[in-house]
């Protein structure tokens, strides 16, 4: 049986780059690397870290404090309409 790990709350993480699988990369105040899903470079987010490894954390953005200027509107909706035809 494995122990259930508690989620670690990280209040303000600035996303500085993109890693494999499209995850955003940020750093904590202590300098630890955090991989976050569904963010873009320039975002400032509050993170719930779900996996804690020796060298890094993996988490999910809970709240956006500041959106990046690099964000663009999604165009996926147009493909959905074409699929229904």
PDB file of N, CA and C in Angstrom:
ATOM      1  N   UNK A   1       0.829  -1.181   0.000  1.00  0.00           N
ATOM      2  CA  UNK A   1       0.000   0.000   0.000  1.00  0.00           C
ATOM      3  C   UNK A   1       0.869   1.238   0.000  1.00  0.00           C
ATOM      4  N   UNK A   2       0.505   2.180  -0.828  1.00  0.00           N
ATOM      5  CA  UNK A   2       1.280   3.413  -0.859  1.00  0.00           C
ATOM      6  C   UNK A   2       0.606   4.477  -0.006  1.00  0.00           C
ATOM      7  N   UNK A   3       1.391   5.377   0.449  1.00  0.00           N
ATOM      8  CA  UNK A   3       0.859   6.475   1.245  1.00  0.00           C
ATOM      9  C   UNK A   3       0.311   7.548   0.320  1.00  0.00           C
ATOM     10  N   UNK A   4      -0.754   8.157   0.731  1.00  0.00           N
ATOM     11  CA  UNK A   4      -1.318   9.239  -0.057  1.00  0.00           C
ATOM     12  C   UNK A   4      -0.542  10.517   0.258  1.00  0.00           C
ATOM     13  N   UNK A   5      -0.001  11.127  -0.802  1.00  0.00           N
ATOM     14  CA  UNK A   5       0.755  12.352  -0.605  1.00  0.00           C
ATOM     15  C   UNK A   5      -0.190  13.541  -0.571  1.00  0.00           C
ATOM     16  N   UNK A   6       0.103  14.501   0.273  1.00  0.00           N
ATOM     17  CA  UNK A   6      -0.691  15.717   0.323  1.00  0.00           C
ATOM     18  C   UNK A   6      -0.238  16.644  -0.795  1.00  0.00           C
ATOM     19  N   UNK A   7      -1.193  17.348  -1.366  1.00  0.00           N
ATOM     20  CA  UNK A   7      -0.849  18.320  -2.399  1.00  0.00           C
ATOM     21  C   UNK A   7      -0.142  19.506  -1.770  1.00  0.00           C
ATOM     22  N   UNK A   8       0.878  19.985  -2.448  1.00  0.00           N
ATOM     23  CA  UNK A   8       1.634  21.132  -1.994  1.00  0.00           C
ATOM     24  C   UNK A   8       1.090  22.357  -2.699  1.00  0.00           C
ATOM     25  N   UNK A   9       0.788  23.422  -1.955  1.00  0.00           N
ATOM     26  CA  UNK A   9       0.234  24.643  -2.526  1.00  0.00           C
ATOM     27  C   UNK A   9       1.371  25.633  -2.776  1.00  0.00           C
ATOM     28  N   UNK A  10       1.492  26.078  -4.036  1.00  0.00           N
ATOM     29  CA  UNK A  10       2.513  27.058  -4.410  1.00  0.00           C
ATOM     30  C   UNK A  10       1.799  28.329  -4.856  1.00  0.00           C
ATOM     31  N   UNK A  11       1.941  29.430  -4.110  1.00  0.00           N
ATOM     32  CA  UNK A  11       1.086  30.597  -4.327  1.00  0.00           C
ATOM     33  C   UNK A  11       1.336  31.413  -5.595  1.00  0.00           C
ATOM     34  N   UNK A  12       2.558  31.595  -6.022  1.00  0.00           N
ATOM     35  CA  UNK A  12       2.815  32.489  -7.155  1.00  0.00           C
ATOM     36  C   UNK A  12       4.000  31.964  -7.959  1.00  0.00           C
ATOM     37  N   UNK A  13       3.701  31.306  -9.068  1.00  0.00           N
ATOM     38  CA  UNK A  13       4.740  30.735  -9.921  1.00  0.00           C
ATOM     39  C   UNK A  13       4.678  31.405 -11.290  1.00  0.00           C
ATOM     40  N   UNK A  14       5.800  31.976 -11.730  1.00  0.00           N
ATOM     41  CA  UNK A  14       5.875  32.569 -13.069  1.00  0.00           C
ATOM     42  C   UNK A  14       6.378  31.503 -14.034  1.00  0.00           C
ATOM     43  N   UNK A  15       5.647  31.322 -15.133  1.00  0.00           N
ATOM     44  CA  UNK A  15       6.013  30.325 -16.131  1.00  0.00           C
ATOM     45  C   UNK A  15       7.057  30.935 -17.061  1.00  0.00           C
ATOM     46  N   UNK A  16       8.207  30.260 -17.171  1.00  0.00           N
ATOM     47  CA  UNK A  16       9.318  30.817 -17.949  1.00  0.00           C
ATOM     48  C   UNK A  16       9.589  30.086 -19.246  1.00  0.00           C
ATOM     49  N   UNK A  17       9.042  28.888 -19.422  1.00  0.00           N
ATOM     50  CA  UNK A  17       9.321  28.141 -20.644  1.00  0.00           C
ATOM     51  C   UNK A  17       8.365  26.980 -20.817  1.00  0.00           C
ATOM     52  N   UNK A  18       8.627  26.196 -21.865  1.00  0.00           N
ATOM     53  CA  UNK A  18       7.807  25.028 -22.167  1.00  0.00           C
ATOM     54  C   UNK A  18       8.702  23.794 -22.206  1.00  0.00           C
ATOM     55  N   UNK A  19       8.228  22.717 -21.583  1.00  0.00           N
ATOM     56  CA  UNK A  19       8.974  21.452 -21.558  1.00  0.00           C
ATOM     57  C   UNK A  19       8.287  20.451 -22.480  1.00  0.00           C
ATOM     58  N   UNK A  20       8.698  19.199 -22.371  1.00  0.00           N
ATOM     59  CA  UNK A  20       8.092  18.147 -23.184  1.00  0.00           C
ATOM     60  C   UNK A  20       6.603  18.019 -22.869  1.00  0.00           C
ATOM     61  N   UNK A  21       5.845  17.514 -23.815  1.00  0.00           N
ATOM     62  CA  UNK A  21       4.400  17.311 -23.700  1.00  0.00           C
ATOM     63  C   UNK A  21       3.647  18.624 -23.497  1.00  0.00           C
ATOM     64  N   UNK A  22       4.272  19.753 -23.790  1.00  0.00           N
ATOM     65  CA  UNK A  22       3.598  21.040 -23.721  1.00  0.00           C
ATOM     66  C   UNK A  22       3.384  21.593 -22.330  1.00  0.00           C
ATOM     67  N   UNK A  23       4.039  21.028 -21.347  1.00  0.00           N
ATOM     68  CA  UNK A  23       3.875  21.536 -19.983  1.00  0.00           C
ATOM     69  C   UNK A  23       4.723  22.774 -19.770  1.00  0.00           C
ATOM     70  N   UNK A  24       4.202  23.706 -18.971  1.00  0.00           N
ATOM     71  CA  UNK A  24       4.946  24.911 -18.645  1.00  0.00           C
ATOM     72  C   UNK A  24       5.976  24.635 -17.569  1.00  0.00           C
ATOM     73  N   UNK A  25       7.047  25.424 -17.576  1.00  0.00           N
ATOM     74  CA  UNK A  25       8.123  25.272 -16.600  1.00  0.00           C
ATOM     75  C   UNK A  25       8.227  26.548 -15.779  1.00  0.00           C
ATOM     76  N   UNK A  26       8.253  26.393 -14.471  1.00  0.00           N
ATOM     77  CA  UNK A  26       8.447  27.513 -13.564  1.00  0.00           C
ATOM     78  C   UNK A  26       9.355  27.085 -12.428  1.00  0.00           C
ATOM     79  N   UNK A  27       9.673  28.028 -11.569  1.00  0.00           N
ATOM     80  CA  UNK A  27      10.524  27.728 -10.417  1.00  0.00           C
ATOM     81  C   UNK A  27       9.902  28.314  -9.152  1.00  0.00           C
ATOM     82  N   UNK A  28      10.082  27.587  -8.058  1.00  0.00           N
ATOM     83  CA  UNK A  28       9.623  28.084  -6.762  1.00  0.00           C
ATOM     84  C   UNK A  28      10.611  29.116  -6.246  1.00  0.00           C
ATOM     85  N   UNK A  29      10.288  29.726  -5.116  1.00  0.00           N
ATOM     86  CA  UNK A  29      11.196  30.702  -4.508  1.00  0.00           C
ATOM     87  C   UNK A  29      12.504  30.051  -4.072  1.00  0.00           C
ATOM     88  N   UNK A  30      12.451  28.754  -3.761  1.00  0.00           N
ATOM     89  CA  UNK A  30      13.659  28.035  -3.360  1.00  0.00           C
ATOM     90  C   UNK A  30      14.480  27.586  -4.563  1.00  0.00           C
ATOM     91  N   UNK A  31      13.954  27.751  -5.774  1.00  0.00           N
ATOM     92  CA  UNK A  31      14.684  27.378  -6.976  1.00  0.00           C
ATOM     93  C   UNK A  31      14.332  26.004  -7.526  1.00  0.00           C
ATOM     94  N   UNK A  32      13.338  25.353  -6.959  1.00  0.00           N
ATOM     95  CA  UNK A  32      12.922  24.031  -7.418  1.00  0.00           C
ATOM     96  C   UNK A  32      12.084  24.138  -8.691  1.00  0.00           C
ATOM     97  N   UNK A  33      12.291  23.240  -9.632  1.00  0.00           N
ATOM     98  CA  UNK A  33      11.579  23.268 -10.910  1.00  0.00           C
ATOM     99  C   UNK A  33      10.171  22.700 -10.730  1.00  0.00           C
ATOM    100  N   UNK A  34       9.194  23.360 -11.392  1.00  0.00           N
ATOM    101  CA  UNK A  34       7.800  22.921 -11.348  1.00  0.00           C
ATOM    102  C   UNK A  34       7.296  22.792 -12.779  1.00  0.00           C
ATOM    103  N   UNK A  35       6.725  21.624 -13.126  1.00  0.00           N
ATOM    104  CA  UNK A  35       6.101  21.401 -14.429  1.00  0.00           C
ATOM    105  C   UNK A  35       4.592  21.517 -14.249  1.00  0.00           C
ATOM    106  N   UNK A  36       3.965  22.377 -15.068  1.00  0.00           N
ATOM    107  CA  UNK A  36       2.551  22.685 -14.897  1.00  0.00           C
ATOM    108  C   UNK A  36       1.829  22.516 -16.230  1.00  0.00           C
ATOM    109  N   UNK A  37       0.657  21.876 -16.195  1.00  0.00           N
ATOM    110  CA  UNK A  37      -0.124  21.653 -17.401  1.00  0.00           C
ATOM    111  C   UNK A  37      -0.991  22.867 -17.728  1.00  0.00           C
ATOM    112  N   UNK A  38      -1.269  23.065 -19.027  1.00  0.00           N
ATOM    113  CA  UNK A  38      -2.225  24.051 -19.527  1.00  0.00           C
ATOM    114  C   UNK A  38      -1.861  25.496 -19.206  1.00  0.00           C
ATOM    115  N   UNK A  39      -0.592  25.834 -19.297  1.00  0.00           N
ATOM    116  CA  UNK A  39      -0.150  27.218 -19.121  1.00  0.00           C
ATOM    117  C   UNK A  39       0.802  27.578 -20.258  1.00  0.00           C
ATOM    118  N   UNK A  40       1.049  28.876 -20.425  1.00  0.00           N
ATOM    119  CA  UNK A  40       1.993  29.347 -21.438  1.00  0.00           C
ATOM    120  C   UNK A  40       3.026  30.244 -20.769  1.00  0.00           C
ATOM    121  N   UNK A  41       4.207  30.413 -21.388  1.00  0.00           N
ATOM    122  CA  UNK A  41       5.219  31.288 -20.799  1.00  0.00           C
ATOM    123  C   UNK A  41       4.683  32.704 -20.604  1.00  0.00           C
ATOM    124  N   UNK A  42       4.939  33.245 -19.424  1.00  0.00           N
ATOM    125  CA  UNK A  42       4.473  34.581 -19.077  1.00  0.00           C
ATOM    126  C   UNK A  42       3.315  34.568 -18.099  1.00  0.00           C
ATOM    127  N   UNK A  43       2.622  33.445 -17.961  1.00  0.00           N
ATOM    128  CA  UNK A  43       1.533  33.342 -16.989  1.00  0.00           C
ATOM    129  C   UNK A  43       2.101  33.343 -15.575  1.00  0.00           C
ATOM    130  N   UNK A  44       1.323  33.893 -14.650  1.00  0.00           N
ATOM    131  CA  UNK A  44       1.632  33.785 -13.224  1.00  0.00           C
ATOM    132  C   UNK A  44       0.450  33.055 -12.604  1.00  0.00           C
ATOM    133  N   UNK A  45       0.720  31.892 -11.997  1.00  0.00           N
ATOM    134  CA  UNK A  45      -0.359  31.014 -11.539  1.00  0.00           C
ATOM    135  C   UNK A  45      -0.141  30.542 -10.108  1.00  0.00           C
ATOM    136  N   UNK A  46      -1.255  30.134  -9.484  1.00  0.00           N
ATOM    137  CA  UNK A  46      -1.209  29.413  -8.219  1.00  0.00           C
ATOM    138  C   UNK A  46      -1.284  27.938  -8.569  1.00  0.00           C
ATOM    139  N   UNK A  47      -0.424  27.138  -7.965  1.00  0.00           N
ATOM    140  CA  UNK A  47      -0.264  25.742  -8.378  1.00  0.00           C
ATOM    141  C   UNK A  47      -0.561  24.797  -7.223  1.00  0.00           C
ATOM    142  N   UNK A  48      -1.236  23.709  -7.559  1.00  0.00           N
ATOM    143  CA  UNK A  48      -1.393  22.594  -6.643  1.00  0.00           C
ATOM    144  C   UNK A  48      -0.482  21.485  -7.155  1.00  0.00           C
ATOM    145  N   UNK A  49       0.630  21.256  -6.466  1.00  0.00           N
ATOM    146  CA  UNK A  49       1.607  20.247  -6.889  1.00  0.00           C
ATOM    147  C   UNK A  49       1.101  18.868  -6.497  1.00  0.00           C
ATOM    148  N   UNK A  50       0.930  17.997  -7.493  1.00  0.00           N
ATOM    149  CA  UNK A  50       0.361  16.685  -7.243  1.00  0.00           C
ATOM    150  C   UNK A  50       1.403  15.586  -7.144  1.00  0.00           C
ATOM    151  N   UNK A  51       2.524  15.749  -7.817  1.00  0.00           N
ATOM    152  CA  UNK A  51       3.624  14.789  -7.710  1.00  0.00           C
ATOM    153  C   UNK A  51       4.856  15.526  -7.223  1.00  0.00           C
ATOM    154  N   UNK A  52       5.493  14.947  -6.246  1.00  0.00           N
ATOM    155  CA  UNK A  52       6.681  15.550  -5.675  1.00  0.00           C
ATOM    156  C   UNK A  52       7.837  14.578  -5.845  1.00  0.00           C
ATOM    157  N   UNK A  53       8.772  14.933  -6.699  1.00  0.00           N
ATOM    158  CA  UNK A  53       9.963  14.114  -6.931  1.00  0.00           C
ATOM    159  C   UNK A  53      11.150  14.774  -6.238  1.00  0.00           C
ATOM    160  N   UNK A  54      12.292  14.123  -6.296  1.00  0.00           N
ATOM    161  CA  UNK A  54      13.473  14.655  -5.613  1.00  0.00           C
ATOM    162  C   UNK A  54      13.934  15.974  -6.223  1.00  0.00           C
ATOM    163  N   UNK A  55      13.910  16.064  -7.557  1.00  0.00           N
ATOM    164  CA  UNK A  55      14.445  17.243  -8.232  1.00  0.00           C
ATOM    165  C   UNK A  55      13.389  18.213  -8.745  1.00  0.00           C
ATOM    166  N   UNK A  56      12.134  17.789  -8.799  1.00  0.00           N
ATOM    167  CA  UNK A  56      11.114  18.653  -9.392  1.00  0.00           C
ATOM    168  C   UNK A  56       9.732  18.324  -8.844  1.00  0.00           C
ATOM    169  N   UNK A  57       8.766  19.188  -9.180  1.00  0.00           N
ATOM    170  CA  UNK A  57       7.370  18.983  -8.819  1.00  0.00           C
ATOM    171  C   UNK A  57       6.532  18.980 -10.091  1.00  0.00           C
ATOM    172  N   UNK A  58       5.420  18.255 -10.089  1.00  0.00           N
ATOM    173  CA  UNK A  58       4.468  18.291 -11.187  1.00  0.00           C
ATOM    174  C   UNK A  58       3.132  18.732 -10.609  1.00  0.00           C
ATOM    175  N   UNK A  59       2.473  19.672 -11.294  1.00  0.00           N
ATOM    176  CA  UNK A  59       1.224  20.159 -10.735  1.00  0.00           C
ATOM    177  C   UNK A  59       0.263  20.690 -11.763  1.00  0.00           C
ATOM    178  N   UNK A  60      -0.786  21.302 -11.258  1.00  0.00           N
ATOM    179  CA  UNK A  60      -1.858  21.839 -12.074  1.00  0.00           C
ATOM    180  C   UNK A  60      -2.153  23.271 -11.614  1.00  0.00           C
ATOM    181  N   UNK A  61      -2.423  24.137 -12.575  1.00  0.00           N
ATOM    182  CA  UNK A  61      -2.756  25.524 -12.253  1.00  0.00           C
ATOM    183  C   UNK A  61      -4.159  25.568 -11.657  1.00  0.00           C
ATOM    184  N   UNK A  62      -4.276  26.180 -10.488  1.00  0.00           N
ATOM    185  CA  UNK A  62      -5.558  26.290  -9.807  1.00  0.00           C
ATOM    186  C   UNK A  62      -6.194  27.642 -10.109  1.00  0.00           C
ATOM    187  N   UNK A  63      -5.383  28.699 -10.101  1.00  0.00           N
ATOM    188  CA  UNK A  63      -5.882  30.048 -10.366  1.00  0.00           C
ATOM    189  C   UNK A  63      -4.811  30.836 -11.111  1.00  0.00           C
ATOM    190  N   UNK A  64      -5.255  31.669 -12.033  1.00  0.00           N
ATOM    191  CA  UNK A  64      -4.346  32.521 -12.790  1.00  0.00           C
ATOM    192  C   UNK A  64      -4.338  33.905 -12.153  1.00  0.00           C
ATOM    193  N   UNK A  65      -3.158  34.376 -11.751  1.00  0.00           N
ATOM    194  CA  UNK A  65      -3.036  35.719 -11.205  1.00  0.00           C
ATOM    195  C   UNK A  65      -2.822  36.740 -12.312  1.00  0.00           C
ATOM    196  N   UNK A  66      -2.127  36.306 -13.368  1.00  0.00           N
ATOM    197  CA  UNK A  66      -1.847  37.188 -14.495  1.00  0.00           C
ATOM    198  C   UNK A  66      -1.711  36.325 -15.747  1.00  0.00           C
ATOM    199  N   UNK A  67      -2.444  36.686 -16.803  1.00  0.00           N
ATOM    200  CA  UNK A  67      -2.335  35.948 -18.062  1.00  0.00           C
ATOM    201  C   UNK A  67      -1.200  36.515 -18.903  1.00  0.00           C
ATOM    202  N   UNK A  68      -0.584  35.658 -19.689  1.00  0.00           N
ATOM    203  CA  UNK A  68       0.493  36.057 -20.580  1.00  0.00           C
ATOM    204  C   UNK A  68      -0.065  36.824 -21.771  1.00  0.00           C
ATOM    205  N   UNK A  69       0.738  37.715 -22.318  1.00  0.00           N
ATOM    206  CA  UNK A  69       0.364  38.424 -23.533  1.00  0.00           C
ATOM    207  C   UNK A  69       0.493  37.529 -24.755  1.00  0.00           C
ATOM    208  N   UNK A  70       1.146  36.366 -24.609  1.00  0.00           N
ATOM    209  CA  UNK A  70       1.327  35.421 -25.710  1.00  0.00           C
ATOM    210  C   UNK A  70       0.103  34.533 -25.940  1.00  0.00           C
ATOM    211  N   UNK A  71      -0.900  34.624 -25.091  1.00  0.00           N
ATOM    212  CA  UNK A  71      -2.099  33.793 -25.258  1.00  0.00           C
ATOM    213  C   UNK A  71      -2.887  34.238 -26.480  1.00  0.00           C
ATOM    214  N   UNK A  72      -3.432  33.261 -27.199  1.00  0.00           N
ATOM    215  CA  UNK A  72      -4.285  33.539 -28.356  1.00  0.00           C
ATOM    216  C   UNK A  72      -5.589  32.781 -28.198  1.00  0.00           C
ATOM    217  N   UNK A  73      -6.661  33.254 -28.835  1.00  0.00           N
ATOM    218  CA  UNK A  73      -7.934  32.533 -28.720  1.00  0.00           C
ATOM    219  C   UNK A  73      -7.848  31.150 -29.366  1.00  0.00           C
ATOM    220  N   UNK A  74      -8.549  30.206 -28.792  1.00  0.00           N
ATOM    221  CA  UNK A  74      -8.549  28.844 -29.326  1.00  0.00           C
ATOM    222  C   UNK A  74      -9.353  28.780 -30.621  1.00  0.00           C
ATOM    223  N   UNK A  75      -8.883  28.013 -31.579  1.00  0.00           N
ATOM    224  CA  UNK A  75      -9.600  27.858 -32.838  1.00  0.00           C
ATOM    225  C   UNK A  75     -10.213  26.472 -32.963  1.00  0.00           C
ATOM    226  N   UNK A  76     -10.215  25.717 -31.912  1.00  0.00           N
ATOM    227  CA  UNK A  76     -10.723  24.355 -31.933  1.00  0.00           C
ATOM    228  C   UNK A  76     -12.219  24.307 -32.208  1.00  0.00           C
ATOM    229  N   UNK A  77     -12.946  25.306 -31.793  1.00  0.00           N
ATOM    230  CA  UNK A  77     -14.392  25.319 -31.979  1.00  0.00           C
ATOM    231  C   UNK A  77     -14.760  25.216 -33.456  1.00  0.00           C
ATOM    232  N   UNK A  78     -13.996  25.844 -34.338  1.00  0.00           N
ATOM    233  CA  UNK A  78     -14.272  25.776 -35.771  1.00  0.00           C
ATOM    234  C   UNK A  78     -14.156  24.338 -36.269  1.00  0.00           C
ATOM    235  N   UNK A  79     -13.206  23.587 -35.791  1.00  0.00           N
ATOM    236  CA  UNK A  79     -13.066  22.192 -36.194  1.00  0.00           C
ATOM    237  C   UNK A  79     -14.242  21.352 -35.705  1.00  0.00           C
ATOM    238  N   UNK A  80     -14.761  21.681 -34.542  1.00  0.00           N
ATOM    239  CA  UNK A  80     -15.907  20.950 -34.017  1.00  0.00           C
ATOM    240  C   UNK A  80     -17.103  21.130 -34.939  1.00  0.00           C
ATOM    241  N   UNK A  81     -17.331  22.351 -35.450  1.00  0.00           N
ATOM    242  CA  UNK A  81     -18.437  22.583 -36.364  1.00  0.00           C
ATOM    243  C   UNK A  81     -18.253  21.811 -37.682  1.00  0.00           C
ATOM    244  N   UNK A  82     -17.041  21.747 -38.175  1.00  0.00           N
ATOM    245  CA  UNK A  82     -16.783  21.017 -39.406  1.00  0.00           C
ATOM    246  C   UNK A  82     -17.012  19.523 -39.227  1.00  0.00           C
ATOM    247  N   UNK A  83     -16.675  19.008 -38.065  1.00  0.00           N
ATOM    248  CA  UNK A  83     -16.846  17.595 -37.788  1.00  0.00           C
ATOM    249  C   UNK A  83     -18.326  17.205 -37.777  1.00  0.00           C
ATOM    250  N   UNK A  84     -19.175  18.107 -37.303  1.00  0.00           N
ATOM    251  CA  UNK A  84     -20.605  17.814 -37.208  1.00  0.00           C
ATOM    252  C   UNK A  84     -21.293  17.827 -38.568  1.00  0.00           C
ATOM    253  N   UNK A  85     -20.711  18.465 -39.585  1.00  0.00           N
ATOM    254  CA  UNK A  85     -21.353  18.551 -40.906  1.00  0.00           C
ATOM    255  C   UNK A  85     -21.368  17.246 -41.631  1.00  0.00           C
TER     256      UNK A  85
END
